[in-house]
Amino acid sequence: MSDKPVLLSGDNPQIPKGFGDAPVQAYIDAVPGWKQDICRRLDALIVKTVPGVSKAVKWNTPMYAVEEGRWFTSMHCYKTFVRVTFFRGTQLEPMPAGPSKVGDVRYHDIKEGAFDDAQLADWIKQAAALPGEKM
């Protein structure tokens, strides 16, 4: 029997709910292939851009907050991209292109070789300054 997390549809790891850095790192460690590098880079960029950021894994998704329990962004793996969700994305400039049917949510999908550090850091900084989403 393997202790490795199960990969759900889209290669998203099934990680138990937990708060802090450890469950987020367990998620990243379980991400397969090139998507692991994107998740690792994204996590590091969030930590660098938002000192003291709070982390958790909820619904098999790493989430990030400035104010405890008020999430500003998350990441989730799919077969061909890593999706970054900005919970107040309609308020970001420029607004991320990925539409959502949920309130202010906007998505940014990162495909292999398409990690834009400067744009992501700018969105992360803006998103962290907005009221987070309570979940």
C-alpha atoms as a PDB file:
ATOM      1  CA  MET A   1       0.000   0.000   0.000  1.00  0.00           C
ATOM      2  CA  SER A   2       1.341   3.424  -0.965  1.00  0.00           C
ATOM      3  CA  ASP A   3       1.421   6.466   1.296  1.00  0.00           C
ATOM      4  CA  LYS A   4       1.344   8.737  -1.743  1.00  0.00           C
ATOM      5  CA  PRO A   5      -1.753  10.915  -2.062  1.00  0.00           C
ATOM      6  CA  VAL A   6      -4.356   9.873  -4.601  1.00  0.00           C
ATOM      7  CA  LEU A   7      -4.460  12.013  -7.736  1.00  0.00           C
ATOM      8  CA  LEU A   8      -7.993  13.137  -8.464  1.00  0.00           C
ATOM      9  CA  SER A   9      -9.245  14.059 -11.913  1.00  0.00           C
ATOM     10  CA  GLY A  10      -6.923  16.536 -13.572  1.00  0.00           C
ATOM     11  CA  ASP A  11      -3.929  15.309 -11.547  1.00  0.00           C
ATOM     12  CA  ASN A  12      -5.043  17.315  -8.499  1.00  0.00           C
ATOM     13  CA  PRO A  13      -3.718  15.675  -5.297  1.00  0.00           C
ATOM     14  CA  GLN A  14      -6.173  14.574  -2.632  1.00  0.00           C
ATOM     15  CA  ILE A  15      -4.749  16.159   0.523  1.00  0.00           C
ATOM     16  CA  PRO A  16      -6.498  16.217   3.917  1.00  0.00           C
ATOM     17  CA  LYS A  17      -7.783  19.571   5.088  1.00  0.00           C
ATOM     18  CA  GLY A  18      -5.202  21.353   7.198  1.00  0.00           C
ATOM     19  CA  PHE A  19      -3.892  24.760   8.190  1.00  0.00           C
ATOM     20  CA  GLY A  20      -0.344  26.075   7.897  1.00  0.00           C
ATOM     21  CA  ASP A  21       2.548  25.454   5.550  1.00  0.00           C
ATOM     22  CA  ALA A  22       2.832  21.660   6.031  1.00  0.00           C
ATOM     23  CA  PRO A  23      -0.379  20.645   4.197  1.00  0.00           C
ATOM     24  CA  VAL A  24       0.412  23.092   1.375  1.00  0.00           C
ATOM     25  CA  GLN A  25       3.883  21.580   0.985  1.00  0.00           C
ATOM     26  CA  ALA A  26       2.354  18.060   1.067  1.00  0.00           C
ATOM     27  CA  TYR A  27       0.044  19.141  -1.770  1.00  0.00           C
ATOM     28  CA  ILE A  28       2.931  20.582  -3.798  1.00  0.00           C
ATOM     29  CA  ASP A  29       5.077  17.484  -3.198  1.00  0.00           C
ATOM     30  CA  ALA A  30       2.245  15.310  -4.572  1.00  0.00           C
ATOM     31  CA  VAL A  31       1.673  17.349  -7.750  1.00  0.00           C
ATOM     32  CA  PRO A  32       2.957  15.406 -10.779  1.00  0.00           C
ATOM     33  CA  GLY A  33       5.394  16.529 -13.463  1.00  0.00           C
ATOM     34  CA  TRP A  34       5.924  20.085 -14.644  1.00  0.00           C
ATOM     35  CA  LYS A  35       2.921  21.330 -12.652  1.00  0.00           C
ATOM     36  CA  GLN A  36       4.847  20.758  -9.420  1.00  0.00           C
ATOM     37  CA  ASP A  37       7.401  23.397 -10.440  1.00  0.00           C
ATOM     38  CA  ILE A  38       4.612  25.880 -11.187  1.00  0.00           C
ATOM     39  CA  CYS A  39       2.972  25.224  -7.803  1.00  0.00           C
ATOM     40  CA  ARG A  40       6.317  25.527  -6.003  1.00  0.00           C
ATOM     41  CA  ARG A  41       7.123  28.807  -7.796  1.00  0.00           C
ATOM     42  CA  LEU A  42       3.639  30.186  -7.130  1.00  0.00           C
ATOM     43  CA  ASP A  43       3.809  29.321  -3.422  1.00  0.00           C
ATOM     44  CA  ALA A  44       7.262  30.952  -3.124  1.00  0.00           C
ATOM     45  CA  LEU A  45       6.059  34.048  -4.997  1.00  0.00           C
ATOM     46  CA  ILE A  46       3.053  34.423  -2.686  1.00  0.00           C
ATOM     47  CA  VAL A  47       5.268  34.083   0.417  1.00  0.00           C
ATOM     48  CA  LYS A  48       7.748  36.637  -0.978  1.00  0.00           C
ATOM     49  CA  THR A  49       5.027  39.099  -2.046  1.00  0.00           C
ATOM     50  CA  VAL A  50       2.854  38.790   1.079  1.00  0.00           C
ATOM     51  CA  PRO A  51       5.076  38.391   4.169  1.00  0.00           C
ATOM     52  CA  GLY A  52       3.268  36.535   6.949  1.00  0.00           C
ATOM     53  CA  VAL A  53       0.674  35.012   4.617  1.00  0.00           C
ATOM     54  CA  SER A  54      -1.543  32.313   6.150  1.00  0.00           C
ATOM     55  CA  LYS A  55      -1.891  29.013   4.299  1.00  0.00           C
ATOM     56  CA  ALA A  56      -4.292  26.091   4.310  1.00  0.00           C
ATOM     57  CA  VAL A  57      -5.511  23.225   2.192  1.00  0.00           C
ATOM     58  CA  LYS A  58      -9.285  23.102   1.857  1.00  0.00           C
ATOM     59  CA  TRP A  59     -11.175  21.063  -0.745  1.00  0.00           C
ATOM     60  CA  ASN A  60      -7.837  19.653  -2.009  1.00  0.00           C
ATOM     61  CA  THR A  61      -6.785  23.207  -2.866  1.00  0.00           C
ATOM     62  CA  PRO A  62      -3.990  25.316  -1.320  1.00  0.00           C
ATOM     63  CA  MET A  63      -5.418  28.649  -0.170  1.00  0.00           C
ATOM     64  CA  TYR A  64      -3.773  31.873   1.001  1.00  0.00           C
ATOM     65  CA  ALA A  65      -4.976  34.613   3.358  1.00  0.00           C
ATOM     66  CA  VAL A  66      -3.742  37.826   4.927  1.00  0.00           C
ATOM     67  CA  GLU A  67      -6.471  37.901   7.553  1.00  0.00           C
ATOM     68  CA  GLU A  68      -7.177  34.462   9.037  1.00  0.00           C
ATOM     69  CA  GLY A  69     -10.125  32.788   7.346  1.00  0.00           C
ATOM     70  CA  ARG A  70     -10.328  35.416   4.584  1.00  0.00           C
ATOM     71  CA  TRP A  71      -8.773  33.943   1.449  1.00  0.00           C
ATOM     72  CA  PHE A  72      -7.470  36.050  -1.434  1.00  0.00           C
ATOM     73  CA  THR A  73      -6.106  33.351  -3.774  1.00  0.00           C
ATOM     74  CA  SER A  74      -5.758  29.613  -4.320  1.00  0.00           C
ATOM     75  CA  MET A  75      -4.280  27.135  -6.803  1.00  0.00           C
ATOM     76  CA  HIS A  76      -5.650  23.915  -8.266  1.00  0.00           C
ATOM     77  CA  CYS A  77      -4.187  21.421 -10.760  1.00  0.00           C
ATOM     78  CA  TYR A  78      -5.821  20.348 -13.995  1.00  0.00           C
ATOM     79  CA  LYS A  79      -4.428  18.069 -16.730  1.00  0.00           C
ATOM     80  CA  THR A  80      -2.953  20.858 -18.873  1.00  0.00           C
ATOM     81  CA  PHE A  81      -2.609  23.823 -16.483  1.00  0.00           C
ATOM     82  CA  VAL A  82      -2.505  25.097 -12.911  1.00  0.00           C
ATOM     83  CA  ARG A  83      -5.425  27.394 -12.139  1.00  0.00           C
ATOM     84  CA  VAL A  84      -4.857  30.391  -9.884  1.00  0.00           C
ATOM     85  CA  THR A  85      -8.114  31.713  -8.448  1.00  0.00           C
ATOM     86  CA  PHE A  86      -8.386  35.319  -7.329  1.00  0.00           C
ATOM     87  CA  PHE A  87     -11.488  35.632  -5.154  1.00  0.00           C
ATOM     88  CA  ARG A  88     -11.770  39.391  -5.837  1.00  0.00           C
ATOM     89  CA  GLY A  89     -10.355  39.083  -9.345  1.00  0.00           C
ATOM     90  CA  THR A  90     -12.772  41.504 -10.996  1.00  0.00           C
ATOM     91  CA  GLN A  91     -11.117  44.252  -8.915  1.00  0.00           C
ATOM     92  CA  LEU A  92      -7.593  43.535 -10.192  1.00  0.00           C
ATOM     93  CA  GLU A  93      -5.862  45.637 -12.864  1.00  0.00           C
ATOM     94  CA  PRO A  94      -5.537  44.287 -15.453  1.00  0.00           C
ATOM     95  CA  MET A  95      -8.313  41.854 -14.680  1.00  0.00           C
ATOM     96  CA  PRO A  96      -7.322  38.182 -15.142  1.00  0.00           C
ATOM     97  CA  ALA A  97      -8.879  36.839 -18.327  1.00  0.00           C
ATOM     98  CA  GLY A  98     -10.483  33.679 -16.915  1.00  0.00           C
ATOM     99  CA  PRO A  99     -14.170  34.365 -16.330  1.00  0.00           C
ATOM    100  CA  SER A 100     -16.183  32.808 -13.521  1.00  0.00           C
ATOM    101  CA  LYS A 101     -19.862  32.423 -12.793  1.00  0.00           C
ATOM    102  CA  VAL A 102     -19.119  33.129  -9.114  1.00  0.00           C
ATOM    103  CA  GLY A 103     -19.248  36.772  -7.976  1.00  0.00           C
ATOM    104  CA  ASP A 104     -15.930  38.615  -8.211  1.00  0.00           C
ATOM    105  CA  VAL A 105     -13.883  35.465  -8.913  1.00  0.00           C
ATOM    106  CA  ARG A 106     -11.468  35.457 -11.851  1.00  0.00           C
ATOM    107  CA  TYR A 107      -9.042  32.751 -12.953  1.00  0.00           C
ATOM    108  CA  HIS A 108      -5.569  32.715 -14.423  1.00  0.00           C
ATOM    109  CA  ASP A 109      -4.491  29.403 -15.950  1.00  0.00           C
ATOM    110  CA  ILE A 110      -0.741  28.751 -16.090  1.00  0.00           C
ATOM    111  CA  LYS A 111       0.379  26.329 -18.778  1.00  0.00           C
ATOM    112  CA  GLU A 112       3.788  24.691 -19.030  1.00  0.00           C
ATOM    113  CA  GLY A 113       6.489  27.300 -19.679  1.00  0.00           C
ATOM    114  CA  ALA A 114       4.138  30.261 -19.216  1.00  0.00           C
ATOM    115  CA  PHE A 115       4.879  31.460 -15.659  1.00  0.00           C
ATOM    116  CA  ASP A 116       4.863  35.287 -15.645  1.00  0.00           C
ATOM    117  CA  ASP A 117       6.523  36.272 -12.337  1.00  0.00           C
ATOM    118  CA  ALA A 118       5.937  40.017 -12.717  1.00  0.00           C
ATOM    119  CA  GLN A 119       2.223  39.802 -13.597  1.00  0.00           C
ATOM    120  CA  LEU A 120       1.505  37.187 -10.951  1.00  0.00           C
ATOM    121  CA  ALA A 121       3.349  39.176  -8.255  1.00  0.00           C
ATOM    122  CA  ASP A 122       1.353  42.276  -9.196  1.00  0.00           C
ATOM    123  CA  TRP A 123      -1.983  40.420  -9.006  1.00  0.00           C
ATOM    124  CA  ILE A 124      -0.981  38.747  -5.720  1.00  0.00           C
ATOM    125  CA  LYS A 125      -0.051  42.102  -4.169  1.00  0.00           C
ATOM    126  CA  GLN A 126      -3.321  43.671  -5.324  1.00  0.00           C
ATOM    127  CA  ALA A 127      -5.429  40.674  -4.219  1.00  0.00           C
ATOM    128  CA  ALA A 128      -3.829  40.591  -0.755  1.00  0.00           C
ATOM    129  CA  ALA A 129      -4.785  44.256  -0.236  1.00  0.00           C
ATOM    130  CA  LEU A 130      -8.490  43.544  -0.903  1.00  0.00           C
ATOM    131  CA  PRO A 131     -10.959  42.044   1.585  1.00  0.00           C
ATOM    132  CA  GLY A 132     -10.612  38.260   1.466  1.00  0.00           C
ATOM    133  CA  GLU A 133     -13.351  35.734   0.838  1.00  0.00           C
ATOM    134  CA  LYS A 134     -14.673  33.980   3.953  1.00  0.00           C
ATOM    135  CA  MET A 135     -14.868  30.207   3.421  1.00  0.00           C
END
